[in-house]
């Protein structure tokens, strides 16, 4: 049976751990507000951008730009893996890595080559552990304040490598923020750019919806697509990074909240054990005193 001193040391250790988890929960909550605000502000822009781009691509056809044309044979697949730099966020990183592993098993075949662009240390470490090819890594981005230039630099490298036939397909794996309790691992193809369903096609199905006119483009639709299609890749990467950052803070906030609750439960059980041990010690001392008094009286 543990002594009073051992139980008291455990109680003090759990109290210190609870202080740390509470502090991390508050830090994650404060960062979550800013990340969620940036994410929600960017979502309408990304949606409208995809709407306009889908309308232009639908009327121009796949032959208008090489970024729209799929390759006949897929041998080289590049994956942009977005994870966090730090742990203590529950199964956040594990879910993203498992989603990547499942996709690689589906695509695995004779001569298939995989390479990675890593955002975050956790994904980078997983790639190193499994000896995967890492083309580039970006640390200190997810979970921090970053600008569009981060996605711009990474996107330009991906577009140039795709046009240079270094990759046949490019996918991005990120965590989509649905709610505080749910962050969904998502895998999305970004190159070649898949067909984008525009609102025009959706509105044609609904007879009650008024007609949406075509966009008037200057100098030409093809020239505009040449500028917008690469930017669509940058927008997709930036949106994924914002979603992953928000999801990381939410996951860490929930994990630290659960850890704090677990510390409170441990404190309750340890306090009960301490009181029982203290009561047993007092009872033993009283029995010794009574026994000694009886011996002297006899």
C-alpha atoms as a PDB file:
ATOM      1  CA  UNK A   1       0.000   0.000   0.000  1.00  0.00           C
ATOM      2  CA  UNK A   2       1.278   3.477  -0.897  1.00  0.00           C
ATOM      3  CA  UNK A   3       2.412   5.661   1.956  1.00  0.00           C
ATOM      4  CA  UNK A   4       0.977   9.083   2.728  1.00  0.00           C
ATOM      5  CA  UNK A   5       4.017  10.785   1.241  1.00  0.00           C
ATOM      6  CA  UNK A   6       3.746   8.836  -2.034  1.00  0.00           C
ATOM      7  CA  UNK A   7       0.065   9.679  -2.446  1.00  0.00           C
ATOM      8  CA  UNK A   8       0.706  13.335  -1.611  1.00  0.00           C
ATOM      9  CA  UNK A   9       3.494  13.493  -4.213  1.00  0.00           C
ATOM     10  CA  UNK A  10       1.131  12.055  -6.821  1.00  0.00           C
ATOM     11  CA  UNK A  11      -1.523  14.619  -5.928  1.00  0.00           C
ATOM     12  CA  UNK A  12       0.954  17.483  -6.345  1.00  0.00           C
ATOM     13  CA  UNK A  13       2.156  16.084  -9.672  1.00  0.00           C
ATOM     14  CA  UNK A  14      -1.395  15.779 -11.019  1.00  0.00           C
ATOM     15  CA  UNK A  15      -2.177  19.348  -9.893  1.00  0.00           C
ATOM     16  CA  UNK A  16       0.829  20.667 -11.809  1.00  0.00           C
ATOM     17  CA  UNK A  17      -0.221  18.678 -14.880  1.00  0.00           C
ATOM     18  CA  UNK A  18      -3.712  20.136 -14.604  1.00  0.00           C
ATOM     19  CA  UNK A  19      -2.272  23.644 -14.550  1.00  0.00           C
ATOM     20  CA  UNK A  20      -0.370  22.904 -17.771  1.00  0.00           C
ATOM     21  CA  UNK A  21      -3.395  21.421 -19.551  1.00  0.00           C
ATOM     22  CA  UNK A  22      -5.566  24.370 -18.488  1.00  0.00           C
ATOM     23  CA  UNK A  23      -2.995  26.835 -19.813  1.00  0.00           C
ATOM     24  CA  UNK A  24      -2.680  24.966 -23.128  1.00  0.00           C
ATOM     25  CA  UNK A  25      -6.467  24.874 -23.437  1.00  0.00           C
ATOM     26  CA  UNK A  26      -6.660  28.647 -22.992  1.00  0.00           C
ATOM     27  CA  UNK A  27      -3.863  29.249 -25.509  1.00  0.00           C
ATOM     28  CA  UNK A  28      -5.540  26.982 -28.077  1.00  0.00           C
ATOM     29  CA  UNK A  29      -8.882  28.742 -27.502  1.00  0.00           C
ATOM     30  CA  UNK A  30      -7.354  32.188 -28.074  1.00  0.00           C
ATOM     31  CA  UNK A  31      -5.563  31.087 -31.255  1.00  0.00           C
ATOM     32  CA  UNK A  32      -8.653  29.294 -32.487  1.00  0.00           C
ATOM     33  CA  UNK A  33     -10.629  32.541 -32.651  1.00  0.00           C
ATOM     34  CA  UNK A  34      -8.137  34.175 -34.997  1.00  0.00           C
ATOM     35  CA  UNK A  35      -7.667  31.082 -37.175  1.00  0.00           C
ATOM     36  CA  UNK A  36     -11.406  30.475 -37.458  1.00  0.00           C
ATOM     37  CA  UNK A  37     -12.006  34.102 -38.386  1.00  0.00           C
ATOM     38  CA  UNK A  38      -9.416  33.931 -41.189  1.00  0.00           C
ATOM     39  CA  UNK A  39     -10.827  30.635 -42.438  1.00  0.00           C
ATOM     40  CA  UNK A  40     -14.439  31.868 -42.502  1.00  0.00           C
ATOM     41  CA  UNK A  41     -13.389  35.081 -44.232  1.00  0.00           C
ATOM     42  CA  UNK A  42     -11.584  33.189 -46.985  1.00  0.00           C
ATOM     43  CA  UNK A  43     -14.282  30.576 -47.662  1.00  0.00           C
ATOM     44  CA  UNK A  44     -16.598  32.928 -49.637  1.00  0.00           C
ATOM     45  CA  UNK A  45     -13.683  34.050 -51.826  1.00  0.00           C
ATOM     46  CA  UNK A  46     -12.636  30.459 -52.539  1.00  0.00           C
ATOM     47  CA  UNK A  47     -16.228  29.516 -53.353  1.00  0.00           C
ATOM     48  CA  UNK A  48     -16.763  32.437 -55.726  1.00  0.00           C
ATOM     49  CA  UNK A  49     -13.379  31.847 -57.344  1.00  0.00           C
ATOM     50  CA  UNK A  50     -14.305  28.207 -58.016  1.00  0.00           C
ATOM     51  CA  UNK A  51     -17.682  29.326 -59.422  1.00  0.00           C
ATOM     52  CA  UNK A  52     -16.178  31.752 -61.939  1.00  0.00           C
ATOM     53  CA  UNK A  53     -13.358  29.357 -62.865  1.00  0.00           C
ATOM     54  CA  UNK A  54     -15.808  26.505 -63.343  1.00  0.00           C
ATOM     55  CA  UNK A  55     -17.906  28.620 -65.692  1.00  0.00           C
ATOM     56  CA  UNK A  56     -14.873  29.591 -67.792  1.00  0.00           C
ATOM     57  CA  UNK A  57     -13.455  26.056 -67.900  1.00  0.00           C
ATOM     58  CA  UNK A  58     -16.854  24.624 -68.879  1.00  0.00           C
ATOM     59  CA  UNK A  59     -17.157  26.888 -71.919  1.00  0.00           C
ATOM     60  CA  UNK A  60     -13.520  26.606 -73.017  1.00  0.00           C
ATOM     61  CA  UNK A  61     -12.950  22.835 -72.772  1.00  0.00           C
ATOM     62  CA  UNK A  62     -10.021  20.831 -71.413  1.00  0.00           C
ATOM     63  CA  UNK A  63      -7.769  21.652 -74.382  1.00  0.00           C
ATOM     64  CA  UNK A  64      -7.573  25.301 -73.351  1.00  0.00           C
ATOM     65  CA  UNK A  65      -4.846  24.735 -70.770  1.00  0.00           C
ATOM     66  CA  UNK A  66      -2.419  21.881 -69.968  1.00  0.00           C
ATOM     67  CA  UNK A  67      -3.367  22.068 -66.280  1.00  0.00           C
ATOM     68  CA  UNK A  68      -6.788  20.660 -67.223  1.00  0.00           C
ATOM     69  CA  UNK A  69      -5.563  17.705 -69.277  1.00  0.00           C
ATOM     70  CA  UNK A  70      -5.169  14.404 -67.338  1.00  0.00           C
ATOM     71  CA  UNK A  71      -2.204  12.156 -68.111  1.00  0.00           C
ATOM     72  CA  UNK A  72      -2.740   8.877 -69.931  1.00  0.00           C
ATOM     73  CA  UNK A  73      -0.527   6.867 -67.577  1.00  0.00           C
ATOM     74  CA  UNK A  74      -0.203   7.652 -63.882  1.00  0.00           C
ATOM     75  CA  UNK A  75       3.198   6.672 -62.525  1.00  0.00           C
ATOM     76  CA  UNK A  76       4.250   9.615 -60.347  1.00  0.00           C
ATOM     77  CA  UNK A  77       1.928  10.878 -57.626  1.00  0.00           C
ATOM     78  CA  UNK A  78       2.802  13.831 -55.429  1.00  0.00           C
ATOM     79  CA  UNK A  79       1.027  14.394 -52.097  1.00  0.00           C
ATOM     80  CA  UNK A  80       0.897  17.659 -50.149  1.00  0.00           C
ATOM     81  CA  UNK A  81       0.484  16.518 -46.539  1.00  0.00           C
ATOM     82  CA  UNK A  82      -0.708  19.137 -44.048  1.00  0.00           C
ATOM     83  CA  UNK A  83      -0.129  18.246 -40.386  1.00  0.00           C
ATOM     84  CA  UNK A  84       0.787  20.111 -37.217  1.00  0.00           C
ATOM     85  CA  UNK A  85       4.245  20.880 -35.874  1.00  0.00           C
ATOM     86  CA  UNK A  86       3.353  19.862 -32.321  1.00  0.00           C
ATOM     87  CA  UNK A  87       1.475  17.023 -30.694  1.00  0.00           C
ATOM     88  CA  UNK A  88      -0.950  16.984 -27.765  1.00  0.00           C
ATOM     89  CA  UNK A  89      -3.925  17.332 -30.092  1.00  0.00           C
ATOM     90  CA  UNK A  90      -5.514  13.906 -29.808  1.00  0.00           C
ATOM     91  CA  UNK A  91      -5.774  11.840 -32.978  1.00  0.00           C
ATOM     92  CA  UNK A  92      -5.512  14.861 -35.285  1.00  0.00           C
ATOM     93  CA  UNK A  93      -2.222  13.931 -36.977  1.00  0.00           C
ATOM     94  CA  UNK A  94      -2.874  10.185 -36.835  1.00  0.00           C
ATOM     95  CA  UNK A  95      -6.122  10.593 -38.775  1.00  0.00           C
ATOM     96  CA  UNK A  96      -4.389  12.619 -41.496  1.00  0.00           C
ATOM     97  CA  UNK A  97      -1.567  10.105 -41.812  1.00  0.00           C
ATOM     98  CA  UNK A  98      -3.988   7.172 -41.904  1.00  0.00           C
ATOM     99  CA  UNK A  99      -5.947   8.909 -44.675  1.00  0.00           C
ATOM    100  CA  UNK A 100      -2.707   9.271 -46.635  1.00  0.00           C
ATOM    101  CA  UNK A 101      -1.728   5.646 -46.044  1.00  0.00           C
ATOM    102  CA  UNK A 102      -5.131   4.440 -47.208  1.00  0.00           C
ATOM    103  CA  UNK A 103      -4.867   6.484 -50.408  1.00  0.00           C
ATOM    104  CA  UNK A 104      -1.370   5.156 -51.113  1.00  0.00           C
ATOM    105  CA  UNK A 105      -2.588   1.573 -50.689  1.00  0.00           C
ATOM    106  CA  UNK A 106      -5.402   2.235 -53.159  1.00  0.00           C
ATOM    107  CA  UNK A 107      -3.012   3.692 -55.738  1.00  0.00           C
ATOM    108  CA  UNK A 108      -0.135   1.305 -55.079  1.00  0.00           C
ATOM    109  CA  UNK A 109       0.887  -0.633 -58.178  1.00  0.00           C
ATOM    110  CA  UNK A 110       3.824  -1.725 -60.231  1.00  0.00           C
ATOM    111  CA  UNK A 111       6.232   1.145 -60.720  1.00  0.00           C
ATOM    112  CA  UNK A 112       4.093   3.697 -58.836  1.00  0.00           C
ATOM    113  CA  UNK A 113       6.202   6.448 -57.255  1.00  0.00           C
ATOM    114  CA  UNK A 114       5.120   8.696 -54.409  1.00  0.00           C
ATOM    115  CA  UNK A 115       6.682  11.967 -53.305  1.00  0.00           C
ATOM    116  CA  UNK A 116       5.677  14.500 -50.666  1.00  0.00           C
ATOM    117  CA  UNK A 117       5.501  18.174 -49.835  1.00  0.00           C
ATOM    118  CA  UNK A 118       5.167  18.458 -46.065  1.00  0.00           C
ATOM    119  CA  UNK A 119       3.530  21.218 -44.067  1.00  0.00           C
ATOM    120  CA  UNK A 120       4.277  20.388 -40.416  1.00  0.00           C
ATOM    121  CA  UNK A 121       6.842  18.325 -38.517  1.00  0.00           C
ATOM    122  CA  UNK A 122       4.557  15.383 -37.782  1.00  0.00           C
ATOM    123  CA  UNK A 123       4.001  14.580 -41.438  1.00  0.00           C
ATOM    124  CA  UNK A 124       7.682  15.213 -42.219  1.00  0.00           C
ATOM    125  CA  UNK A 125       8.783  12.822 -39.479  1.00  0.00           C
ATOM    126  CA  UNK A 126       6.365  10.149 -40.729  1.00  0.00           C
ATOM    127  CA  UNK A 127       7.766  10.453 -44.262  1.00  0.00           C
ATOM    128  CA  UNK A 128      11.326  10.203 -43.000  1.00  0.00           C
ATOM    129  CA  UNK A 129      10.484   7.165 -40.889  1.00  0.00           C
ATOM    130  CA  UNK A 130       9.062   5.362 -43.927  1.00  0.00           C
ATOM    131  CA  UNK A 131      11.805   6.565 -46.316  1.00  0.00           C
ATOM    132  CA  UNK A 132       9.424   8.458 -48.602  1.00  0.00           C
ATOM    133  CA  UNK A 133      10.765  11.059 -51.001  1.00  0.00           C
ATOM    134  CA  UNK A 134      10.325  14.592 -49.607  1.00  0.00           C
ATOM    135  CA  UNK A 135      10.485  17.264 -52.294  1.00  0.00           C
ATOM    136  CA  UNK A 136      10.053  20.206 -49.910  1.00  0.00           C
ATOM    137  CA  UNK A 137       9.039  20.896 -46.321  1.00  0.00           C
ATOM    138  CA  UNK A 138       7.469  23.941 -44.691  1.00  0.00           C
ATOM    139  CA  UNK A 139       7.687  24.057 -40.903  1.00  0.00           C
ATOM    140  CA  UNK A 140       6.160  26.590 -38.537  1.00  0.00           C
ATOM    141  CA  UNK A 141       3.231  27.334 -40.874  1.00  0.00           C
ATOM    142  CA  UNK A 142       0.259  25.295 -39.653  1.00  0.00           C
ATOM    143  CA  UNK A 143      -1.028  26.673 -36.377  1.00  0.00           C
ATOM    144  CA  UNK A 144       0.784  29.989 -36.802  1.00  0.00           C
ATOM    145  CA  UNK A 145       0.084  33.270 -38.574  1.00  0.00           C
ATOM    146  CA  UNK A 146       0.940  32.938 -42.266  1.00  0.00           C
ATOM    147  CA  UNK A 147       0.137  34.765 -45.447  1.00  0.00           C
ATOM    148  CA  UNK A 148      -0.867  33.861 -48.985  1.00  0.00           C
ATOM    149  CA  UNK A 149       2.786  33.964 -50.027  1.00  0.00           C
ATOM    150  CA  UNK A 150       3.350  30.570 -48.376  1.00  0.00           C
ATOM    151  CA  UNK A 151       0.746  28.919 -50.597  1.00  0.00           C
ATOM    152  CA  UNK A 152       1.993  30.934 -53.583  1.00  0.00           C
ATOM    153  CA  UNK A 153       5.564  29.648 -53.264  1.00  0.00           C
ATOM    154  CA  UNK A 154       4.504  26.032 -52.747  1.00  0.00           C
ATOM    155  CA  UNK A 155       1.900  26.229 -55.530  1.00  0.00           C
ATOM    156  CA  UNK A 156       4.319  27.625 -58.107  1.00  0.00           C
ATOM    157  CA  UNK A 157       6.723  24.766 -57.411  1.00  0.00           C
ATOM    158  CA  UNK A 158       3.922  22.223 -57.862  1.00  0.00           C
ATOM    159  CA  UNK A 159       2.639  23.789 -61.092  1.00  0.00           C
ATOM    160  CA  UNK A 160       6.139  23.983 -62.600  1.00  0.00           C
ATOM    161  CA  UNK A 161       6.881  20.371 -61.644  1.00  0.00           C
ATOM    162  CA  UNK A 162       3.564  19.188 -63.086  1.00  0.00           C
ATOM    163  CA  UNK A 163       4.123  21.026 -66.365  1.00  0.00           C
ATOM    164  CA  UNK A 164       7.665  19.614 -66.445  1.00  0.00           C
ATOM    165  CA  UNK A 165       6.258  16.058 -66.193  1.00  0.00           C
ATOM    166  CA  UNK A 166       7.834  15.451 -62.788  1.00  0.00           C
ATOM    167  CA  UNK A 167       4.370  14.576 -61.422  1.00  0.00           C
ATOM    168  CA  UNK A 168       1.393  12.969 -63.130  1.00  0.00           C
ATOM    169  CA  UNK A 169      -1.070  13.827 -60.371  1.00  0.00           C
ATOM    170  CA  UNK A 170      -0.935  16.061 -57.291  1.00  0.00           C
ATOM    171  CA  UNK A 171      -3.173  15.604 -54.240  1.00  0.00           C
ATOM    172  CA  UNK A 172      -3.476  17.492 -50.980  1.00  0.00           C
ATOM    173  CA  UNK A 173      -4.412  15.973 -47.613  1.00  0.00           C
ATOM    174  CA  UNK A 174      -5.757  18.339 -44.971  1.00  0.00           C
ATOM    175  CA  UNK A 175      -8.224  18.518 -42.090  1.00  0.00           C
ATOM    176  CA  UNK A 176     -11.539  20.187 -42.887  1.00  0.00           C
ATOM    177  CA  UNK A 177     -13.024  22.085 -39.950  1.00  0.00           C
ATOM    178  CA  UNK A 178     -16.652  21.045 -39.471  1.00  0.00           C
ATOM    179  CA  UNK A 179     -17.162  21.845 -35.790  1.00  0.00           C
ATOM    180  CA  UNK A 180     -15.303  22.028 -32.511  1.00  0.00           C
ATOM    181  CA  UNK A 181     -15.748  18.286 -32.034  1.00  0.00           C
ATOM    182  CA  UNK A 182     -15.246  17.125 -35.633  1.00  0.00           C
ATOM    183  CA  UNK A 183     -12.363  17.689 -38.026  1.00  0.00           C
ATOM    184  CA  UNK A 184     -12.569  15.541 -41.143  1.00  0.00           C
ATOM    185  CA  UNK A 185      -9.424  14.330 -42.982  1.00  0.00           C
ATOM    186  CA  UNK A 186      -9.899  15.231 -46.648  1.00  0.00           C
ATOM    187  CA  UNK A 187      -7.973  14.193 -49.746  1.00  0.00           C
ATOM    188  CA  UNK A 188      -8.425  16.436 -52.791  1.00  0.00           C
ATOM    189  CA  UNK A 189      -6.874  16.400 -56.242  1.00  0.00           C
ATOM    190  CA  UNK A 190      -5.388  19.731 -57.265  1.00  0.00           C
ATOM    191  CA  UNK A 191      -3.430  18.779 -60.427  1.00  0.00           C
ATOM    192  CA  UNK A 192      -4.522  18.173 -63.077  1.00  0.00           C
ATOM    193  CA  UNK A 193      -7.385  20.424 -62.049  1.00  0.00           C
ATOM    194  CA  UNK A 194     -10.510  18.241 -61.924  1.00  0.00           C
ATOM    195  CA  UNK A 195     -13.738  19.391 -63.612  1.00  0.00           C
ATOM    196  CA  UNK A 196     -15.231  22.167 -61.526  1.00  0.00           C
ATOM    197  CA  UNK A 197     -19.020  22.104 -61.287  1.00  0.00           C
ATOM    198  CA  UNK A 198     -20.133  25.655 -61.864  1.00  0.00           C
ATOM    199  CA  UNK A 199     -23.339  27.159 -60.591  1.00  0.00           C
ATOM    200  CA  UNK A 200     -24.580  27.486 -64.166  1.00  0.00           C
ATOM    201  CA  UNK A 201     -24.840  23.707 -64.531  1.00  0.00           C
ATOM    202  CA  UNK A 202     -26.643  23.434 -61.230  1.00  0.00           C
ATOM    203  CA  UNK A 203     -29.060  26.215 -62.080  1.00  0.00           C
ATOM    204  CA  UNK A 204     -29.894  24.671 -65.449  1.00  0.00           C
ATOM    205  CA  UNK A 205     -31.352  21.702 -63.565  1.00  0.00           C
ATOM    206  CA  UNK A 206     -33.718  23.982 -61.684  1.00  0.00           C
ATOM    207  CA  UNK A 207     -36.324  25.581 -63.956  1.00  0.00           C
ATOM    208  CA  UNK A 208     -37.382  28.071 -61.288  1.00  0.00           C
ATOM    209  CA  UNK A 209     -33.906  29.554 -60.985  1.00  0.00           C
ATOM    210  CA  UNK A 210     -33.219  32.578 -63.201  1.00  0.00           C
ATOM    211  CA  UNK A 211     -30.615  32.224 -65.953  1.00  0.00           C
ATOM    212  CA  UNK A 212     -27.037  33.101 -64.993  1.00  0.00           C
ATOM    213  CA  UNK A 213     -25.359  34.928 -67.902  1.00  0.00           C
ATOM    214  CA  UNK A 214     -21.919  34.009 -69.178  1.00  0.00           C
ATOM    215  CA  UNK A 215     -18.909  36.001 -68.048  1.00  0.00           C
ATOM    216  CA  UNK A 216     -17.496  38.514 -70.496  1.00  0.00           C
ATOM    217  CA  UNK A 217     -13.730  38.005 -70.638  1.00  0.00           C
ATOM    218  CA  UNK A 218     -11.023  40.355 -71.810  1.00  0.00           C
ATOM    219  CA  UNK A 219      -8.623  39.843 -73.507  1.00  0.00           C
ATOM    220  CA  UNK A 220      -9.863  36.245 -74.038  1.00  0.00           C
ATOM    221  CA  UNK A 221     -11.174  33.264 -72.118  1.00  0.00           C
ATOM    222  CA  UNK A 222      -8.043  31.192 -72.775  1.00  0.00           C
ATOM    223  CA  UNK A 223      -5.731  33.968 -71.641  1.00  0.00           C
ATOM    224  CA  UNK A 224      -7.767  34.450 -68.486  1.00  0.00           C
ATOM    225  CA  UNK A 225      -7.695  30.710 -67.762  1.00  0.00           C
ATOM    226  CA  UNK A 226      -3.926  30.778 -68.119  1.00  0.00           C
ATOM    227  CA  UNK A 227      -3.810  33.210 -65.207  1.00  0.00           C
ATOM    228  CA  UNK A 228      -6.631  31.796 -63.093  1.00  0.00           C
ATOM    229  CA  UNK A 229      -5.896  28.061 -63.228  1.00  0.00           C
ATOM    230  CA  UNK A 230      -2.499  28.345 -61.487  1.00  0.00           C
ATOM    231  CA  UNK A 231      -4.043  30.734 -58.989  1.00  0.00           C
ATOM    232  CA  UNK A 232      -6.714  28.124 -58.303  1.00  0.00           C
ATOM    233  CA  UNK A 233      -3.929  25.808 -57.088  1.00  0.00           C
ATOM    234  CA  UNK A 234      -2.630  28.522 -54.772  1.00  0.00           C
ATOM    235  CA  UNK A 235      -6.139  29.173 -53.461  1.00  0.00           C
ATOM    236  CA  UNK A 236      -6.693  25.464 -52.808  1.00  0.00           C
ATOM    237  CA  UNK A 237      -3.431  25.184 -50.857  1.00  0.00           C
ATOM    238  CA  UNK A 238      -4.079  28.333 -48.835  1.00  0.00           C
ATOM    239  CA  UNK A 239      -7.626  27.228 -48.033  1.00  0.00           C
ATOM    240  CA  UNK A 240      -6.345  23.804 -46.927  1.00  0.00           C
ATOM    241  CA  UNK A 241      -3.752  25.405 -44.653  1.00  0.00           C
ATOM    242  CA  UNK A 242      -6.386  27.644 -43.055  1.00  0.00           C
ATOM    243  CA  UNK A 243      -8.701  24.673 -42.508  1.00  0.00           C
ATOM    244  CA  UNK A 244      -5.881  22.587 -41.015  1.00  0.00           C
ATOM    245  CA  UNK A 245      -4.744  25.380 -38.693  1.00  0.00           C
ATOM    246  CA  UNK A 246      -8.262  25.897 -37.372  1.00  0.00           C
ATOM    247  CA  UNK A 247      -8.771  22.152 -36.986  1.00  0.00           C
ATOM    248  CA  UNK A 248      -5.488  21.776 -35.104  1.00  0.00           C
ATOM    249  CA  UNK A 249      -6.414  24.427 -32.536  1.00  0.00           C
ATOM    250  CA  UNK A 250      -9.874  22.915 -32.095  1.00  0.00           C
ATOM    251  CA  UNK A 251      -8.428  19.414 -31.677  1.00  0.00           C
ATOM    252  CA  UNK A 252      -5.842  20.606 -29.161  1.00  0.00           C
ATOM    253  CA  UNK A 253      -8.470  22.545 -27.238  1.00  0.00           C
ATOM    254  CA  UNK A 254     -10.661  19.443 -26.974  1.00  0.00           C
ATOM    255  CA  UNK A 255      -7.711  17.218 -26.076  1.00  0.00           C
ATOM    256  CA  UNK A 256      -6.541  19.550 -23.313  1.00  0.00           C
ATOM    257  CA  UNK A 257     -10.089  19.871 -22.004  1.00  0.00           C
ATOM    258  CA  UNK A 258     -10.352  16.077 -21.795  1.00  0.00           C
ATOM    259  CA  UNK A 259      -6.932  15.919 -20.136  1.00  0.00           C
ATOM    260  CA  UNK A 260      -8.030  18.474 -17.529  1.00  0.00           C
ATOM    261  CA  UNK A 261     -11.135  16.434 -16.787  1.00  0.00           C
ATOM    262  CA  UNK A 262      -8.998  13.310 -16.448  1.00  0.00           C
ATOM    263  CA  UNK A 263      -6.735  15.154 -13.984  1.00  0.00           C
ATOM    264  CA  UNK A 264      -9.766  16.133 -11.914  1.00  0.00           C
ATOM    265  CA  UNK A 265     -10.914  12.506 -11.821  1.00  0.00           C
ATOM    266  CA  UNK A 266      -7.442  11.384 -10.768  1.00  0.00           C
ATOM    267  CA  UNK A 267      -7.349  14.030  -8.048  1.00  0.00           C
ATOM    268  CA  UNK A 268     -10.668  12.790  -6.672  1.00  0.00           C
ATOM    269  CA  UNK A 269      -9.469   9.193  -6.507  1.00  0.00           C
ATOM    270  CA  UNK A 270      -6.052  10.158  -5.096  1.00  0.00           C
ATOM    271  CA  UNK A 271      -7.643  12.409  -2.477  1.00  0.00           C
ATOM    272  CA  UNK A 272      -9.895   9.538  -1.424  1.00  0.00           C
ATOM    273  CA  UNK A 273      -6.905   7.208  -1.208  1.00  0.00           C
ATOM    274  CA  UNK A 274      -4.965   9.825   0.781  1.00  0.00           C
ATOM    275  CA  UNK A 275      -7.826  10.267   3.248  1.00  0.00           C
ATOM    276  CA  UNK A 276      -8.139   6.510   3.693  1.00  0.00           C
ATOM    277  CA  UNK A 277      -4.415   6.102   4.243  1.00  0.00           C
ATOM    278  CA  UNK A 278      -4.379   9.041   6.683  1.00  0.00           C
ATOM    279  CA  UNK A 279      -7.340   7.628   8.578  1.00  0.00           C
ATOM    280  CA  UNK A 280      -5.657   4.220   8.755  1.00  0.00           C
ATOM    281  CA  UNK A 281      -2.461   5.824  10.071  1.00  0.00           C
ATOM    282  CA  UNK A 282      -4.363   7.792  12.732  1.00  0.00           C
ATOM    283  CA  UNK A 283      -6.272   4.659  13.758  1.00  0.00           C
ATOM    284  CA  UNK A 284      -3.021   2.717  14.070  1.00  0.00           C
ATOM    285  CA  UNK A 285      -1.483   5.447  16.227  1.00  0.00           C
ATOM    286  CA  UNK A 286      -4.565   5.541  18.471  1.00  0.00           C
ATOM    287  CA  UNK A 287      -4.445   1.770  18.851  1.00  0.00           C
ATOM    288  CA  UNK A 288      -0.799   2.009  19.870  1.00  0.00           C
ATOM    289  CA  UNK A 289      -1.603   4.699  22.444  1.00  0.00           C
ATOM    290  CA  UNK A 290      -4.542   2.753  23.851  1.00  0.00           C
ATOM    291  CA  UNK A 291      -2.511  -0.434  23.942  1.00  0.00           C
ATOM    292  CA  UNK A 292       0.330   1.295  25.766  1.00  0.00           C
ATOM    293  CA  UNK A 293      -2.068   2.844  28.262  1.00  0.00           C
ATOM    294  CA  UNK A 294      -3.687  -0.512  28.960  1.00  0.00           C
ATOM    295  CA  UNK A 295      -0.274  -2.100  29.420  1.00  0.00           C
ATOM    296  CA  UNK A 296       0.748   0.547  31.944  1.00  0.00           C
ATOM    297  CA  UNK A 297      -2.582   0.231  33.777  1.00  0.00           C
ATOM    298  CA  UNK A 298      -2.174  -3.563  33.978  1.00  0.00           C
END
